[in-house]
Amino acid sequence: MSGGNGQSTETLLAKILRIHIEDDGTYTIPPNNPFAGQPPPVKQEIFCYGFRNPFRVSFDPRNGDMLIGDVGGA
C-alpha cells in the first residue's frame, strides 16, 4: 500500500517535479507551477501528481507534450 502519497500534495513522493536549478546548487520554483505560491504544507515543486510509479518520460517532438509511463493501479 502506498499510503496515498500519489494523491497528496504534502509530499514529493510519486510526483513529477519542476524546478530551476541555480548555478550555486540551490533551486527556485517556476512561478507557473500548478502549486506555486501555495502555503505549506503544499509542496510548490509539484508539477504533476497522482502517479503510482512513473518510470518513463519523453516529449513529443511535434508539439512538446510530455508523455509519462506509469505502472498504473494495483
C-alpha atoms as a PDB file:
ATOM      1  CA  MET A   1       0.000   0.000   0.000  1.00  0.00           C
ATOM      2  CA  SER A   2       1.332   3.423  -0.953  1.00  0.00           C
ATOM      3  CA  GLY A   3      -0.246   5.372   1.912  1.00  0.00           C
ATOM      4  CA  GLY A   4      -1.866   7.838  -0.502  1.00  0.00           C
ATOM      5  CA  ASN A   5       1.407   9.523  -1.484  1.00  0.00           C
ATOM      6  CA  GLY A   6       0.403   9.809  -5.135  1.00  0.00           C
ATOM      7  CA  GLN A   7      -2.645  11.935  -4.308  1.00  0.00           C
ATOM      8  CA  SER A   8      -1.108  14.039  -1.540  1.00  0.00           C
ATOM      9  CA  THR A   9       0.274  17.495  -2.313  1.00  0.00           C
ATOM     10  CA  GLU A  10       2.150  17.428   1.007  1.00  0.00           C
ATOM     11  CA  THR A  11       4.893  15.015  -0.107  1.00  0.00           C
ATOM     12  CA  LEU A  12       7.265  14.854  -3.076  1.00  0.00           C
ATOM     13  CA  LEU A  13       6.853  11.075  -3.415  1.00  0.00           C
ATOM     14  CA  ALA A  14       5.193   9.755  -6.606  1.00  0.00           C
ATOM     15  CA  LYS A  15       5.318  13.120  -8.380  1.00  0.00           C
ATOM     16  CA  ILE A  16       6.914  14.851 -11.345  1.00  0.00           C
ATOM     17  CA  LEU A  17       8.739  17.910 -10.021  1.00  0.00           C
ATOM     18  CA  ARG A  18       9.589  21.076 -11.930  1.00  0.00           C
ATOM     19  CA  ILE A  19      12.358  23.270 -10.533  1.00  0.00           C
ATOM     20  CA  HIS A  20      15.009  25.641 -11.854  1.00  0.00           C
ATOM     21  CA  ILE A  21      18.486  24.780 -10.592  1.00  0.00           C
ATOM     22  CA  GLU A  22      20.717  27.780  -9.979  1.00  0.00           C
ATOM     23  CA  ASP A  23      24.500  27.902 -10.538  1.00  0.00           C
ATOM     24  CA  ASP A  24      25.152  27.667  -6.781  1.00  0.00           C
ATOM     25  CA  GLY A  25      23.170  24.407  -6.463  1.00  0.00           C
ATOM     26  CA  THR A  26      20.058  25.936  -4.922  1.00  0.00           C
ATOM     27  CA  TYR A  27      16.784  25.923  -6.785  1.00  0.00           C
ATOM     28  CA  THR A  28      13.798  28.132  -7.393  1.00  0.00           C
ATOM     29  CA  ILE A  29      10.232  27.197  -8.248  1.00  0.00           C
ATOM     30  CA  PRO A  30       8.885  28.397 -11.608  1.00  0.00           C
ATOM     31  CA  PRO A  31       6.043  30.846 -10.931  1.00  0.00           C
ATOM     32  CA  ASN A  32       3.699  28.983 -13.290  1.00  0.00           C
ATOM     33  CA  ASN A  33       3.970  25.636 -11.458  1.00  0.00           C
ATOM     34  CA  PRO A  34       0.460  24.471 -10.512  1.00  0.00           C
ATOM     35  CA  PHE A  35       1.070  24.905  -6.754  1.00  0.00           C
ATOM     36  CA  ALA A  36       3.436  27.891  -6.841  1.00  0.00           C
ATOM     37  CA  GLY A  37       2.550  30.354  -4.117  1.00  0.00           C
ATOM     38  CA  GLN A  38       0.543  27.860  -2.078  1.00  0.00           C
ATOM     39  CA  PRO A  39       1.195  27.892   1.677  1.00  0.00           C
ATOM     40  CA  PRO A  40       2.892  24.962   3.450  1.00  0.00           C
ATOM     41  CA  PRO A  41       2.444  22.049   3.776  1.00  0.00           C
ATOM     42  CA  VAL A  42       1.701  22.037  -0.004  1.00  0.00           C
ATOM     43  CA  LYS A  43       4.895  21.336  -1.963  1.00  0.00           C
ATOM     44  CA  GLN A  44       5.335  24.039  -4.598  1.00  0.00           C
ATOM     45  CA  GLU A  45       7.813  21.892  -6.559  1.00  0.00           C
ATOM     46  CA  ILE A  46       4.989  19.599  -7.783  1.00  0.00           C
ATOM     47  CA  PHE A  47       4.266  19.797 -11.497  1.00  0.00           C
ATOM     48  CA  CYS A  48       2.209  16.583 -11.930  1.00  0.00           C
ATOM     49  CA  TYR A  49       0.819  14.236  -9.309  1.00  0.00           C
ATOM     50  CA  GLY A  50      -1.395  11.189  -8.893  1.00  0.00           C
ATOM     51  CA  PHE A  51       1.114   8.601 -10.078  1.00  0.00           C
ATOM     52  CA  ARG A  52       1.769   5.175  -8.649  1.00  0.00           C
ATOM     53  CA  ASN A  53       5.237   4.641 -10.099  1.00  0.00           C
ATOM     54  CA  PRO A  54       6.193   6.833 -13.077  1.00  0.00           C
ATOM     55  CA  PHE A  55       9.047   5.068 -14.836  1.00  0.00           C
ATOM     56  CA  ARG A  56       9.482   6.668 -18.253  1.00  0.00           C
ATOM     57  CA  VAL A  57       9.194  10.236 -19.527  1.00  0.00           C
ATOM     58  CA  SER A  58       9.559  11.537 -23.063  1.00  0.00           C
ATOM     59  CA  PHE A  59       8.498  14.549 -25.084  1.00  0.00           C
ATOM     60  CA  ASP A  60       6.591  14.603 -28.365  1.00  0.00           C
ATOM     61  CA  PRO A  61       8.928  16.418 -30.785  1.00  0.00           C
ATOM     62  CA  ARG A  62       5.981  17.746 -32.825  1.00  0.00           C
ATOM     63  CA  ASN A  63       4.174  19.656 -30.090  1.00  0.00           C
ATOM     64  CA  GLY A  64       6.314  19.390 -26.930  1.00  0.00           C
ATOM     65  CA  ASP A  65       3.749  17.340 -24.959  1.00  0.00           C
ATOM     66  CA  MET A  66       5.223  15.385 -22.056  1.00  0.00           C
ATOM     67  CA  LEU A  67       4.331  11.685 -22.078  1.00  0.00           C
ATOM     68  CA  ILE A  68       4.680   9.685 -18.859  1.00  0.00           C
ATOM     69  CA  GLY A  69       4.626   5.900 -18.467  1.00  0.00           C
ATOM     70  CA  ASP A  70       3.139   4.704 -15.175  1.00  0.00           C
ATOM     71  CA  VAL A  71       2.620   1.153 -13.894  1.00  0.00           C
ATOM     72  CA  GLY A  72      -0.988   2.021 -13.059  1.00  0.00           C
ATOM     73  CA  GLY A  73      -3.247   0.758 -10.326  1.00  0.00           C
ATOM     74  CA  ALA A  74      -2.848  -2.318  -8.196  1.00  0.00           C
END
